[in-house]
Amino acid sequence: MPNNTAELGLKIALDNDDAADYETIYLANSLTTLDGLFSQTTGHTHAGAHQGGPINGNAFSGAMDIPDWFRSTGHRSAYATAGAGMEMFYDGTNGILQGYDRAGSQYRPLYIKGTSIVFQPNNQGVLELTSGGLHLLHNDSSGAAWIRARSGTTGIEFVNNAYSAVTFTVDDSGNVTIPGTLSVVSETISGTLNVTGLLTSNAHNVNGVLTASSLHVTGNTTHDGTSTLTGAVNAGGNVTVQNNVSNVVPFTVGGVYEHIEHGQLTLNGITNNTAQNQSITFARAFNSNPIVIISVGAVSVGDVQQWHAAAQNISTTNFNARLFNTSGSTGNGQIYWLAMGN
């Protein structure tokens, strides 16, 4: 009886048996067993007895080159409960690439390196990362513009596709600088906005600081802060300034703050050849005595030329409005006044 191998029981010796029995029975059976190991359907899978050691991740070591494309079609095994590393798999709906620590249940940094990295949702390039910054792409993958860290300082800036001109800048404090034209439906400025070109808006509200070469507003404008305009201001709506204080129009001339106030009043029962006085207090005090212009409006008797108005005792906070009647009868008269100064 021949001796048998330990794993597969192959016959390895004749012993006292007839050579014909060994060749026709034992050797034939051994060769059939050995041949079956290489069957595509019944061959050994390293997954059972007498089929060799199991093949898993621990069986691999050293670098591996695969001369073809790689695909994960799922993950039949449960997630690991220990260890950390880079994971790549398909969960049945999504392709996943992540750095993860299974023992600590937390994500790890994932570095993707290349001369450029292009994101192509639905096979259309929209973003490209390069050493120059974030490149915005059209859906045909052609260049559109760049976003990068501000040169030499903090914040971000937008650059044209030719990478030759900055078109928009935001610093860490939220201040915005636009060298071209800004067109918006409405804007509210609480910080600082610098537009070296034209600012066009349907509604304009400034609580902080605005600097622009030209301002075109088709709606209403509210200013509680400071606006510096080196060019024209075109407003198609109302302009409200200084916390909505009535009858106050502030502005700056040659770096000196100025403002204008105006109003009207009616003095009643002024007899012929007498005058009536009314003290007017400014809504906002001037820094120095303003110029006050006063005129006569509608009168109830006589001709307007028979009534005379004057501004007296002008100070930084008020003045005295005086209306004199020479019409020959007792009547009422209106006064219009305008104060200008700094």
C-alpha atoms as a PDB file:
ATOM      1  CA  MET A   1       0.000   0.000   0.000  1.00  0.00           C
ATOM      2  CA  PRO A   2       1.565   3.331  -1.046  1.00  0.00           C
ATOM      3  CA  ASN A   3       2.211   6.097   1.497  1.00  0.00           C
ATOM      4  CA  ASN A   4      -0.094   9.140   1.415  1.00  0.00           C
ATOM      5  CA  THR A   5       0.702  12.886   1.459  1.00  0.00           C
ATOM      6  CA  ALA A   6      -0.534  14.774   4.543  1.00  0.00           C
ATOM      7  CA  GLU A   7      -2.969  17.253   2.927  1.00  0.00           C
ATOM      8  CA  LEU A   8      -4.404  15.660  -0.220  1.00  0.00           C
ATOM      9  CA  GLY A   9      -3.634  11.971   0.366  1.00  0.00           C
ATOM     10  CA  LEU A  10      -1.641  11.584  -2.834  1.00  0.00           C
ATOM     11  CA  LYS A  11       0.090   8.228  -3.271  1.00  0.00           C
ATOM     12  CA  ILE A  12       3.850   8.625  -3.141  1.00  0.00           C
ATOM     13  CA  ALA A  13       5.338   5.066  -2.929  1.00  0.00           C
ATOM     14  CA  LEU A  14       4.782   1.571  -4.310  1.00  0.00           C
ATOM     15  CA  ASP A  15       5.635  -0.384  -1.212  1.00  0.00           C
ATOM     16  CA  ASN A  16       4.748  -4.022  -1.912  1.00  0.00           C
ATOM     17  CA  ASP A  17       1.902  -3.295  -4.329  1.00  0.00           C
ATOM     18  CA  ASP A  18       1.954  -4.229  -7.892  1.00  0.00           C
ATOM     19  CA  ALA A  19       3.264  -1.437 -10.123  1.00  0.00           C
ATOM     20  CA  ALA A  20       0.254  -1.799 -12.374  1.00  0.00           C
ATOM     21  CA  ASP A  21      -2.117  -1.162  -9.452  1.00  0.00           C
ATOM     22  CA  TYR A  22      -0.180   1.984  -8.515  1.00  0.00           C
ATOM     23  CA  GLU A  23      -0.153   3.344 -12.044  1.00  0.00           C
ATOM     24  CA  THR A  24      -3.753   2.517 -12.932  1.00  0.00           C
ATOM     25  CA  ILE A  25      -5.412   3.154  -9.604  1.00  0.00           C
ATOM     26  CA  TYR A  26      -3.418   5.163  -7.058  1.00  0.00           C
ATOM     27  CA  LEU A  27      -1.429   7.396  -9.409  1.00  0.00           C
ATOM     28  CA  ALA A  28      -4.492   8.031 -11.599  1.00  0.00           C
ATOM     29  CA  ASN A  29      -6.527   9.090  -8.592  1.00  0.00           C
ATOM     30  CA  SER A  30      -3.713  11.350  -7.357  1.00  0.00           C
ATOM     31  CA  LEU A  31      -3.347  13.054 -10.728  1.00  0.00           C
ATOM     32  CA  THR A  32      -7.120  13.562 -10.948  1.00  0.00           C
ATOM     33  CA  THR A  33      -7.121  15.228  -7.513  1.00  0.00           C
ATOM     34  CA  LEU A  34      -4.187  17.433  -8.457  1.00  0.00           C
ATOM     35  CA  ASP A  35      -5.811  18.415 -11.762  1.00  0.00           C
ATOM     36  CA  GLY A  36      -9.032  19.346  -9.978  1.00  0.00           C
ATOM     37  CA  LEU A  37      -7.237  21.965  -7.948  1.00  0.00           C
ATOM     38  CA  PHE A  38      -6.959  24.101 -11.087  1.00  0.00           C
ATOM     39  CA  SER A  39     -10.594  23.816 -12.189  1.00  0.00           C
ATOM     40  CA  GLN A  40     -12.276  27.221 -12.761  1.00  0.00           C
ATOM     41  CA  THR A  41     -15.395  26.058 -10.923  1.00  0.00           C
ATOM     42  CA  THR A  42     -14.191  23.449  -8.430  1.00  0.00           C
ATOM     43  CA  GLY A  43     -10.602  24.509  -7.869  1.00  0.00           C
ATOM     44  CA  HIS A  44      -9.227  25.464  -4.458  1.00  0.00           C
ATOM     45  CA  THR A  45     -10.291  28.877  -3.078  1.00  0.00           C
ATOM     46  CA  HIS A  46      -8.064  29.098  -0.024  1.00  0.00           C
ATOM     47  CA  ALA A  47     -11.295  29.136   1.959  1.00  0.00           C
ATOM     48  CA  GLY A  48     -11.503  25.595   3.375  1.00  0.00           C
ATOM     49  CA  ALA A  49      -9.653  22.510   4.560  1.00  0.00           C
ATOM     50  CA  HIS A  50      -6.730  21.360   2.429  1.00  0.00           C
ATOM     51  CA  GLN A  51      -6.969  24.515   0.216  1.00  0.00           C
ATOM     52  CA  GLY A  52      -3.980  26.427   1.526  1.00  0.00           C
ATOM     53  CA  GLY A  53      -3.856  29.415   3.869  1.00  0.00           C
ATOM     54  CA  PRO A  54      -6.508  32.165   3.582  1.00  0.00           C
ATOM     55  CA  ILE A  55      -5.764  35.103   1.302  1.00  0.00           C
ATOM     56  CA  ASN A  56      -6.632  38.462   2.991  1.00  0.00           C
ATOM     57  CA  GLY A  57      -5.062  41.861   3.558  1.00  0.00           C
ATOM     58  CA  ASN A  58      -2.584  40.485   6.063  1.00  0.00           C
ATOM     59  CA  ALA A  59      -1.144  38.205   3.354  1.00  0.00           C
ATOM     60  CA  PHE A  60       0.138  41.195   1.344  1.00  0.00           C
ATOM     61  CA  SER A  61       3.289  43.146   2.031  1.00  0.00           C
ATOM     62  CA  GLY A  62       5.499  45.413  -0.024  1.00  0.00           C
ATOM     63  CA  ALA A  63       4.526  47.729  -2.885  1.00  0.00           C
ATOM     64  CA  MET A  64       2.031  46.529  -5.465  1.00  0.00           C
ATOM     65  CA  ASP A  65       1.628  47.696  -9.063  1.00  0.00           C
ATOM     66  CA  ILE A  66      -1.580  46.840 -10.881  1.00  0.00           C
ATOM     67  CA  PRO A  67      -1.270  47.203 -14.672  1.00  0.00           C
ATOM     68  CA  ASP A  68      -5.011  47.835 -15.065  1.00  0.00           C
ATOM     69  CA  TRP A  69      -7.844  49.894 -13.576  1.00  0.00           C
ATOM     70  CA  PHE A  70      -9.153  49.198 -10.102  1.00  0.00           C
ATOM     71  CA  ARG A  71     -12.794  49.174  -8.973  1.00  0.00           C
ATOM     72  CA  SER A  72     -14.592  48.534  -5.702  1.00  0.00           C
ATOM     73  CA  THR A  73     -18.120  47.185  -6.219  1.00  0.00           C
ATOM     74  CA  GLY A  74     -19.107  47.164  -2.554  1.00  0.00           C
ATOM     75  CA  HIS A  75     -18.015  46.085   0.900  1.00  0.00           C
ATOM     76  CA  ARG A  76     -19.406  42.681   1.875  1.00  0.00           C
ATOM     77  CA  SER A  77     -17.370  42.594   5.068  1.00  0.00           C
ATOM     78  CA  ALA A  78     -18.421  44.637   8.079  1.00  0.00           C
ATOM     79  CA  TYR A  79     -16.531  47.829   8.837  1.00  0.00           C
ATOM     80  CA  ALA A  80     -13.385  47.316  10.859  1.00  0.00           C
ATOM     81  CA  THR A  81     -13.595  48.118  14.563  1.00  0.00           C
ATOM     82  CA  ALA A  82      -9.903  48.833  15.079  1.00  0.00           C
ATOM     83  CA  GLY A  83      -7.016  50.496  13.277  1.00  0.00           C
ATOM     84  CA  ALA A  84      -6.824  53.576  11.077  1.00  0.00           C
ATOM     85  CA  GLY A  85      -5.992  54.221   7.443  1.00  0.00           C
ATOM     86  CA  MET A  86      -7.217  55.338   4.048  1.00  0.00           C
ATOM     87  CA  GLU A  87     -10.449  53.647   2.985  1.00  0.00           C
ATOM     88  CA  MET A  88     -11.789  53.353  -0.539  1.00  0.00           C
ATOM     89  CA  PHE A  89     -15.002  51.499  -1.278  1.00  0.00           C
ATOM     90  CA  TYR A  90     -18.441  51.613  -2.909  1.00  0.00           C
ATOM     91  CA  ASP A  91     -21.393  51.537  -0.515  1.00  0.00           C
ATOM     92  CA  GLY A  92     -23.965  50.577  -3.136  1.00  0.00           C
ATOM     93  CA  THR A  93     -24.807  54.212  -3.926  1.00  0.00           C
ATOM     94  CA  ASN A  94     -21.736  56.339  -3.332  1.00  0.00           C
ATOM     95  CA  GLY A  95     -18.035  55.988  -3.997  1.00  0.00           C
ATOM     96  CA  ILE A  96     -16.143  56.722  -0.763  1.00  0.00           C
ATOM     97  CA  LEU A  97     -12.544  57.866  -0.319  1.00  0.00           C
ATOM     98  CA  GLN A  98     -11.689  58.802   3.235  1.00  0.00           C
ATOM     99  CA  GLY A  99      -9.086  58.781   5.959  1.00  0.00           C
ATOM    100  CA  TYR A 100     -10.691  57.209   9.032  1.00  0.00           C
ATOM    101  CA  ASP A 101      -9.730  55.943  12.475  1.00  0.00           C
ATOM    102  CA  ARG A 102     -12.059  53.043  13.237  1.00  0.00           C
ATOM    103  CA  ALA A 103     -10.840  52.600  16.807  1.00  0.00           C
ATOM    104  CA  GLY A 104     -11.303  56.302  17.572  1.00  0.00           C
ATOM    105  CA  SER A 105     -14.431  56.730  15.379  1.00  0.00           C
ATOM    106  CA  GLN A 106     -13.069  59.897  13.802  1.00  0.00           C
ATOM    107  CA  TYR A 107     -11.896  61.074  10.412  1.00  0.00           C
ATOM    108  CA  ARG A 108      -8.234  61.602   9.610  1.00  0.00           C
ATOM    109  CA  PRO A 109      -6.626  64.127   7.210  1.00  0.00           C
ATOM    110  CA  LEU A 110      -6.703  63.107   3.560  1.00  0.00           C
ATOM    111  CA  TYR A 111      -4.063  64.547   1.231  1.00  0.00           C
ATOM    112  CA  ILE A 112      -4.650  64.428  -2.520  1.00  0.00           C
ATOM    113  CA  LYS A 113      -1.549  65.555  -4.400  1.00  0.00           C
ATOM    114  CA  GLY A 114      -0.905  66.428  -8.021  1.00  0.00           C
ATOM    115  CA  THR A 115       0.159  69.318 -10.222  1.00  0.00           C
ATOM    116  CA  SER A 116      -3.562  70.159 -10.363  1.00  0.00           C
ATOM    117  CA  ILE A 117      -6.700  68.513  -9.017  1.00  0.00           C
ATOM    118  CA  VAL A 118      -9.878  68.809 -11.094  1.00  0.00           C
ATOM    119  CA  PHE A 119     -13.351  68.095  -9.758  1.00  0.00           C
ATOM    120  CA  GLN A 120     -15.724  66.884 -12.474  1.00  0.00           C
ATOM    121  CA  PRO A 121     -19.300  66.349 -11.243  1.00  0.00           C
ATOM    122  CA  ASN A 122     -21.239  64.453 -13.903  1.00  0.00           C
ATOM    123  CA  ASN A 123     -18.051  64.475 -16.026  1.00  0.00           C
ATOM    124  CA  GLN A 124     -18.085  68.282 -16.252  1.00  0.00           C
ATOM    125  CA  GLY A 125     -15.187  70.225 -14.756  1.00  0.00           C
ATOM    126  CA  VAL A 126     -16.230  72.991 -12.382  1.00  0.00           C
ATOM    127  CA  LEU A 127     -13.254  73.352 -10.015  1.00  0.00           C
ATOM    128  CA  GLU A 128      -9.510  72.982 -10.407  1.00  0.00           C
ATOM    129  CA  LEU A 129      -7.063  73.247  -7.517  1.00  0.00           C
ATOM    130  CA  THR A 130      -3.545  74.374  -8.360  1.00  0.00           C
ATOM    131  CA  SER A 131      -0.699  76.063  -6.534  1.00  0.00           C
ATOM    132  CA  GLY A 132      -2.145  79.359  -7.828  1.00  0.00           C
ATOM    133  CA  GLY A 133      -5.452  78.868  -6.021  1.00  0.00           C
ATOM    134  CA  LEU A 134      -8.938  77.636  -6.845  1.00  0.00           C
ATOM    135  CA  HIS A 135      -9.704  77.812 -10.570  1.00  0.00           C
ATOM    136  CA  LEU A 136     -13.388  78.168 -11.436  1.00  0.00           C
ATOM    137  CA  LEU A 137     -14.292  76.375 -14.668  1.00  0.00           C
ATOM    138  CA  HIS A 138     -17.179  76.477 -17.111  1.00  0.00           C
ATOM    139  CA  ASN A 139     -19.131  73.236 -17.591  1.00  0.00           C
ATOM    140  CA  ASP A 140     -16.989  72.531 -20.656  1.00  0.00           C
ATOM    141  CA  SER A 141     -13.901  72.655 -18.383  1.00  0.00           C
ATOM    142  CA  SER A 142     -12.625  75.915 -19.917  1.00  0.00           C
ATOM    143  CA  GLY A 143     -11.303  78.536 -17.489  1.00  0.00           C
ATOM    144  CA  ALA A 144     -13.537  81.230 -15.983  1.00  0.00           C
ATOM    145  CA  ALA A 145     -11.801  82.852 -12.978  1.00  0.00           C
ATOM    146  CA  TRP A 146      -9.581  82.237  -9.943  1.00  0.00           C
ATOM    147  CA  ILE A 147      -9.983  82.474  -6.172  1.00  0.00           C
ATOM    148  CA  ARG A 148      -6.776  82.743  -4.170  1.00  0.00           C
ATOM    149  CA  ALA A 149      -5.397  83.979  -0.854  1.00  0.00           C
ATOM    150  CA  ARG A 150      -4.754  87.716  -0.908  1.00  0.00           C
ATOM    151  CA  SER A 151      -1.205  88.438  -1.984  1.00  0.00           C
ATOM    152  CA  GLY A 152       1.011  89.315   0.989  1.00  0.00           C
ATOM    153  CA  THR A 153      -1.851  89.558   3.522  1.00  0.00           C
ATOM    154  CA  THR A 154      -4.959  87.798   4.817  1.00  0.00           C
ATOM    155  CA  GLY A 155      -8.340  87.255   3.185  1.00  0.00           C
ATOM    156  CA  ILE A 156      -9.253  86.139  -0.320  1.00  0.00           C
ATOM    157  CA  GLU A 157      -9.332  87.727  -3.744  1.00  0.00           C
ATOM    158  CA  PHE A 158     -10.899  86.914  -7.102  1.00  0.00           C
ATOM    159  CA  VAL A 159      -8.637  87.067 -10.161  1.00  0.00           C
ATOM    160  CA  ASN A 160      -9.564  87.071 -13.855  1.00  0.00           C
ATOM    161  CA  ASN A 161      -9.010  83.922 -15.915  1.00  0.00           C
ATOM    162  CA  ALA A 162      -5.818  85.343 -17.434  1.00  0.00           C
ATOM    163  CA  TYR A 163      -4.483  85.569 -13.858  1.00  0.00           C
ATOM    164  CA  SER A 164      -3.479  89.168 -14.531  1.00  0.00           C
ATOM    165  CA  ALA A 165      -5.937  91.378 -12.612  1.00  0.00           C
ATOM    166  CA  VAL A 166      -7.696  91.237  -9.228  1.00  0.00           C
ATOM    167  CA  THR A 167     -11.450  91.709  -9.652  1.00  0.00           C
ATOM    168  CA  PHE A 168     -12.730  91.365  -6.064  1.00  0.00           C
ATOM    169  CA  THR A 169     -11.106  91.338  -2.602  1.00  0.00           C
ATOM    170  CA  VAL A 170     -12.369  90.502   0.902  1.00  0.00           C
ATOM    171  CA  ASP A 171     -10.073  90.910   3.921  1.00  0.00           C
ATOM    172  CA  ASP A 172     -10.346  89.139   7.282  1.00  0.00           C
ATOM    173  CA  SER A 173     -12.471  91.966   8.697  1.00  0.00           C
ATOM    174  CA  GLY A 174     -15.042  91.588   5.934  1.00  0.00           C
ATOM    175  CA  ASN A 175     -14.002  94.712   4.043  1.00  0.00           C
ATOM    176  CA  VAL A 176     -14.653  94.422   0.308  1.00  0.00           C
ATOM    177  CA  THR A 177     -12.703  96.095  -2.524  1.00  0.00           C
ATOM    178  CA  ILE A 178     -13.992  96.001  -6.104  1.00  0.00           C
ATOM    179  CA  PRO A 179     -11.808  97.630  -8.803  1.00  0.00           C
ATOM    180  CA  GLY A 180     -14.469  97.308 -11.496  1.00  0.00           C
ATOM    181  CA  THR A 181     -18.230  97.833 -11.612  1.00  0.00           C
ATOM    182  CA  LEU A 182     -20.535  96.463  -8.914  1.00  0.00           C
ATOM    183  CA  SER A 183     -24.162  95.994  -9.949  1.00  0.00           C
ATOM    184  CA  VAL A 184     -26.564  94.742  -7.289  1.00  0.00           C
ATOM    185  CA  VAL A 185     -30.296  94.715  -6.640  1.00  0.00           C
ATOM    186  CA  SER A 186     -29.726  96.189  -3.180  1.00  0.00           C
ATOM    187  CA  GLU A 187     -26.842  96.432  -0.756  1.00  0.00           C
ATOM    188  CA  THR A 188     -26.443  97.038   2.971  1.00  0.00           C
ATOM    189  CA  ILE A 189     -22.935  98.032   4.062  1.00  0.00           C
ATOM    190  CA  SER A 190     -22.003  97.555   7.720  1.00  0.00           C
ATOM    191  CA  GLY A 191     -18.231  97.356   7.240  1.00  0.00           C
ATOM    192  CA  THR A 192     -16.127  98.931   4.499  1.00  0.00           C
ATOM    193  CA  LEU A 193     -16.811  98.662   0.764  1.00  0.00           C
ATOM    194  CA  ASN A 194     -14.275 100.051  -1.708  1.00  0.00           C
ATOM    195  CA  VAL A 195     -15.337 100.261  -5.346  1.00  0.00           C
ATOM    196  CA  THR A 196     -12.793 101.936  -7.609  1.00  0.00           C
ATOM    197  CA  GLY A 197     -15.269 101.780 -10.475  1.00  0.00           C
ATOM    198  CA  LEU A 198     -19.023 102.282 -10.636  1.00  0.00           C
ATOM    199  CA  LEU A 199     -21.515 101.067  -8.021  1.00  0.00           C
ATOM    200  CA  THR A 200     -25.026 100.519  -9.392  1.00  0.00           C
ATOM    201  CA  SER A 201     -27.868  99.597  -7.060  1.00  0.00           C
ATOM    202  CA  ASN A 202     -31.643  99.649  -6.813  1.00  0.00           C
ATOM    203  CA  ALA A 203     -31.519 100.299  -3.067  1.00  0.00           C
ATOM    204  CA  HIS A 204     -28.562 101.641  -1.120  1.00  0.00           C
ATOM    205  CA  ASN A 205     -28.036 101.460   2.666  1.00  0.00           C
ATOM    206  CA  VAL A 206     -24.767 102.470   4.329  1.00  0.00           C
ATOM    207  CA  ASN A 207     -24.118 101.925   8.034  1.00  0.00           C
ATOM    208  CA  GLY A 208     -20.341 101.681   7.648  1.00  0.00           C
ATOM    209  CA  VAL A 209     -17.973 103.219   5.099  1.00  0.00           C
ATOM    210  CA  LEU A 210     -18.417 103.331   1.320  1.00  0.00           C
ATOM    211  CA  THR A 211     -15.719 104.507  -1.087  1.00  0.00           C
ATOM    212  CA  ALA A 212     -16.562 104.604  -4.778  1.00  0.00           C
ATOM    213  CA  SER A 213     -15.686 106.618  -7.855  1.00  0.00           C
ATOM    214  CA  SER A 214     -19.323 106.808  -8.991  1.00  0.00           C
ATOM    215  CA  LEU A 215     -22.637 105.824  -7.445  1.00  0.00           C
ATOM    216  CA  HIS A 216     -25.842 105.184  -9.383  1.00  0.00           C
ATOM    217  CA  VAL A 217     -28.918 104.397  -7.295  1.00  0.00           C
ATOM    218  CA  THR A 218     -32.280 103.839  -8.980  1.00  0.00           C
ATOM    219  CA  GLY A 219     -34.147 103.500  -5.668  1.00  0.00           C
ATOM    220  CA  ASN A 220     -33.845 104.967  -2.187  1.00  0.00           C
ATOM    221  CA  THR A 221     -30.565 105.659  -0.395  1.00  0.00           C
ATOM    222  CA  THR A 222     -30.041 105.614   3.369  1.00  0.00           C
ATOM    223  CA  HIS A 223     -26.769 106.836   4.922  1.00  0.00           C
ATOM    224  CA  ASP A 224     -26.077 106.400   8.621  1.00  0.00           C
ATOM    225  CA  GLY A 225     -22.323 106.067   8.073  1.00  0.00           C
ATOM    226  CA  THR A 226     -19.797 107.678   5.739  1.00  0.00           C
ATOM    227  CA  SER A 227     -19.661 107.629   1.947  1.00  0.00           C
ATOM    228  CA  THR A 228     -16.726 108.992  -0.041  1.00  0.00           C
ATOM    229  CA  LEU A 229     -17.470 109.458  -3.734  1.00  0.00           C
ATOM    230  CA  THR A 230     -14.820 110.780  -6.102  1.00  0.00           C
ATOM    231  CA  GLY A 231     -17.253 110.954  -9.005  1.00  0.00           C
ATOM    232  CA  ALA A 232     -20.954 111.481  -9.604  1.00  0.00           C
ATOM    233  CA  VAL A 233     -23.941 110.420  -7.503  1.00  0.00           C
ATOM    234  CA  ASN A 234     -27.100 109.600  -9.452  1.00  0.00           C
ATOM    235  CA  ALA A 235     -30.098 108.823  -7.233  1.00  0.00           C
ATOM    236  CA  GLY A 236     -33.466 107.966  -8.732  1.00  0.00           C
ATOM    237  CA  GLY A 237     -35.173 107.714  -5.316  1.00  0.00           C
ATOM    238  CA  ASN A 238     -34.964 109.347  -1.909  1.00  0.00           C
ATOM    239  CA  VAL A 239     -31.652 110.037  -0.149  1.00  0.00           C
ATOM    240  CA  THR A 240     -31.891 109.660   3.644  1.00  0.00           C
ATOM    241  CA  VAL A 241     -28.926 110.567   5.852  1.00  0.00           C
ATOM    242  CA  GLN A 242     -27.783 111.052   9.434  1.00  0.00           C
ATOM    243  CA  ASN A 243     -30.061 108.570  11.155  1.00  0.00           C
ATOM    244  CA  ASN A 244     -33.129 109.894   9.351  1.00  0.00           C
ATOM    245  CA  VAL A 245     -33.008 113.340  11.060  1.00  0.00           C
ATOM    246  CA  SER A 246     -35.538 115.492   9.208  1.00  0.00           C
ATOM    247  CA  ASN A 247     -34.356 118.472   7.130  1.00  0.00           C
ATOM    248  CA  VAL A 248     -30.630 117.598   7.478  1.00  0.00           C
ATOM    249  CA  VAL A 249     -28.395 117.006   4.434  1.00  0.00           C
ATOM    250  CA  PRO A 250     -24.737 116.286   5.398  1.00  0.00           C
ATOM    251  CA  PHE A 251     -21.779 116.182   3.012  1.00  0.00           C
ATOM    252  CA  THR A 252     -18.008 116.734   2.912  1.00  0.00           C
ATOM    253  CA  VAL A 253     -16.240 119.439   0.921  1.00  0.00           C
ATOM    254  CA  GLY A 254     -12.442 119.338   0.667  1.00  0.00           C
ATOM    255  CA  GLY A 255     -12.293 117.045   3.684  1.00  0.00           C
ATOM    256  CA  VAL A 256     -14.401 119.465   5.799  1.00  0.00           C
ATOM    257  CA  TYR A 257     -17.740 118.192   7.053  1.00  0.00           C
ATOM    258  CA  GLU A 258     -20.656 120.389   6.007  1.00  0.00           C
ATOM    259  CA  HIS A 259     -24.392 120.163   6.333  1.00  0.00           C
ATOM    260  CA  ILE A 260     -27.569 121.901   5.201  1.00  0.00           C
ATOM    261  CA  GLU A 261     -30.824 122.364   7.112  1.00  0.00           C
ATOM    262  CA  HIS A 262     -34.043 123.903   5.898  1.00  0.00           C
ATOM    263  CA  GLY A 263     -37.623 124.534   6.967  1.00  0.00           C
ATOM    264  CA  GLN A 264     -40.708 126.713   6.786  1.00  0.00           C
ATOM    265  CA  LEU A 265     -43.130 128.297   9.274  1.00  0.00           C
ATOM    266  CA  THR A 266     -46.221 130.530   9.307  1.00  0.00           C
ATOM    267  CA  LEU A 267     -46.585 133.617  11.538  1.00  0.00           C
ATOM    268  CA  ASN A 268     -50.156 134.735  12.165  1.00  0.00           C
ATOM    269  CA  GLY A 269     -51.870 137.984  13.170  1.00  0.00           C
ATOM    270  CA  ILE A 270     -49.101 140.432  12.310  1.00  0.00           C
ATOM    271  CA  THR A 271     -50.500 143.964  12.374  1.00  0.00           C
ATOM    272  CA  ASN A 272     -49.479 146.646   9.889  1.00  0.00           C
ATOM    273  CA  ASN A 273     -45.986 148.129  10.371  1.00  0.00           C
ATOM    274  CA  THR A 274     -45.097 145.559  13.037  1.00  0.00           C
ATOM    275  CA  ALA A 275     -42.987 142.397  13.087  1.00  0.00           C
ATOM    276  CA  GLN A 276     -43.247 138.962  14.651  1.00  0.00           C
ATOM    277  CA  ASN A 277     -40.318 136.740  15.694  1.00  0.00           C
ATOM    278  CA  GLN A 278     -39.901 132.962  15.888  1.00  0.00           C
ATOM    279  CA  SER A 279     -36.861 131.136  17.311  1.00  0.00           C
ATOM    280  CA  ILE A 280     -35.625 128.265  15.110  1.00  0.00           C
ATOM    281  CA  THR A 281     -33.466 125.490  16.660  1.00  0.00           C
ATOM    282  CA  PHE A 282     -31.306 123.450  14.299  1.00  0.00           C
ATOM    283  CA  ALA A 283     -31.814 119.679  14.207  1.00  0.00           C
ATOM    284  CA  ARG A 284     -28.034 119.257  14.382  1.00  0.00           C
ATOM    285  CA  ALA A 285     -25.643 121.821  15.814  1.00  0.00           C
ATOM    286  CA  PHE A 286     -23.140 123.409  13.415  1.00  0.00           C
ATOM    287  CA  ASN A 287     -19.448 123.655  14.285  1.00  0.00           C
ATOM    288  CA  SER A 288     -19.509 127.379  13.512  1.00  0.00           C
ATOM    289  CA  ASN A 289     -22.267 129.888  12.783  1.00  0.00           C
ATOM    290  CA  PRO A 290     -23.931 128.915   9.495  1.00  0.00           C
ATOM    291  CA  ILE A 291     -25.121 131.015   6.590  1.00  0.00           C
ATOM    292  CA  VAL A 292     -28.905 131.444   6.843  1.00  0.00           C
ATOM    293  CA  ILE A 293     -30.970 132.444   3.816  1.00  0.00           C
ATOM    294  CA  ILE A 294     -34.583 133.437   4.515  1.00  0.00           C
ATOM    295  CA  SER A 295     -37.454 134.451   2.209  1.00  0.00           C
ATOM    296  CA  VAL A 296     -41.171 135.256   2.263  1.00  0.00           C
ATOM    297  CA  GLY A 297     -43.647 132.688   1.036  1.00  0.00           C
ATOM    298  CA  ALA A 298     -47.423 133.042   0.757  1.00  0.00           C
ATOM    299  CA  VAL A 299     -49.108 135.969   2.552  1.00  0.00           C
ATOM    300  CA  SER A 300     -52.779 136.481   3.397  1.00  0.00           C
ATOM    301  CA  VAL A 301     -53.011 140.253   2.664  1.00  0.00           C
ATOM    302  CA  GLY A 302     -51.250 142.686   0.396  1.00  0.00           C
ATOM    303  CA  ASP A 303     -48.430 141.885  -1.986  1.00  0.00           C
ATOM    304  CA  VAL A 304     -45.473 139.643  -1.064  1.00  0.00           C
ATOM    305  CA  GLN A 305     -43.191 142.645  -1.700  1.00  0.00           C
ATOM    306  CA  GLN A 306     -44.886 144.379   1.262  1.00  0.00           C
ATOM    307  CA  TRP A 307     -43.623 141.692   3.628  1.00  0.00           C
ATOM    308  CA  HIS A 308     -39.973 141.498   4.734  1.00  0.00           C
ATOM    309  CA  ALA A 309     -38.133 138.537   6.301  1.00  0.00           C
ATOM    310  CA  ALA A 310     -34.800 138.518   8.171  1.00  0.00           C
ATOM    311  CA  ALA A 311     -32.585 136.033  10.071  1.00  0.00           C
ATOM    312  CA  GLN A 312     -31.223 137.476  13.319  1.00  0.00           C
ATOM    313  CA  ASN A 313     -28.956 136.364  16.172  1.00  0.00           C
ATOM    314  CA  ILE A 314     -27.534 133.398  14.212  1.00  0.00           C
ATOM    315  CA  SER A 315     -25.598 130.857  16.355  1.00  0.00           C
ATOM    316  CA  THR A 316     -24.432 127.257  15.924  1.00  0.00           C
ATOM    317  CA  THR A 317     -27.668 125.953  17.437  1.00  0.00           C
ATOM    318  CA  ASN A 318     -30.437 128.401  16.453  1.00  0.00           C
ATOM    319  CA  PHE A 319     -31.469 131.732  14.943  1.00  0.00           C
ATOM    320  CA  ASN A 320     -34.363 134.188  15.153  1.00  0.00           C
ATOM    321  CA  ALA A 321     -36.725 134.341  12.151  1.00  0.00           C
ATOM    322  CA  ARG A 322     -38.380 137.794  11.846  1.00  0.00           C
ATOM    323  CA  LEU A 323     -41.269 138.746   9.514  1.00  0.00           C
ATOM    324  CA  PHE A 324     -42.260 142.450   9.061  1.00  0.00           C
ATOM    325  CA  ASN A 325     -45.687 143.497   7.641  1.00  0.00           C
ATOM    326  CA  THR A 326     -46.122 146.785   5.652  1.00  0.00           C
ATOM    327  CA  SER A 327     -49.215 145.729   3.704  1.00  0.00           C
ATOM    328  CA  GLY A 328     -51.559 148.183   5.481  1.00  0.00           C
ATOM    329  CA  SER A 329     -53.614 145.407   7.094  1.00  0.00           C
ATOM    330  CA  THR A 330     -53.249 142.672   9.676  1.00  0.00           C
ATOM    331  CA  GLY A 331     -52.371 139.338   8.124  1.00  0.00           C
ATOM    332  CA  ASN A 332     -50.441 136.073   8.090  1.00  0.00           C
ATOM    333  CA  GLY A 333     -47.203 135.240   6.285  1.00  0.00           C
ATOM    334  CA  GLN A 334     -44.959 132.249   5.539  1.00  0.00           C
ATOM    335  CA  ILE A 335     -41.180 132.133   5.934  1.00  0.00           C
ATOM    336  CA  TYR A 336     -38.831 129.702   4.157  1.00  0.00           C
ATOM    337  CA  TRP A 337     -35.283 129.326   5.474  1.00  0.00           C
ATOM    338  CA  LEU A 338     -32.048 127.507   4.506  1.00  0.00           C
ATOM    339  CA  ALA A 339     -28.987 127.145   6.773  1.00  0.00           C
ATOM    340  CA  MET A 340     -25.572 126.001   5.429  1.00  0.00           C
ATOM    341  CA  GLY A 341     -22.308 125.502   7.273  1.00  0.00           C
ATOM    342  CA  ASN A 342     -19.945 123.055   8.938  1.00  0.00           C
END
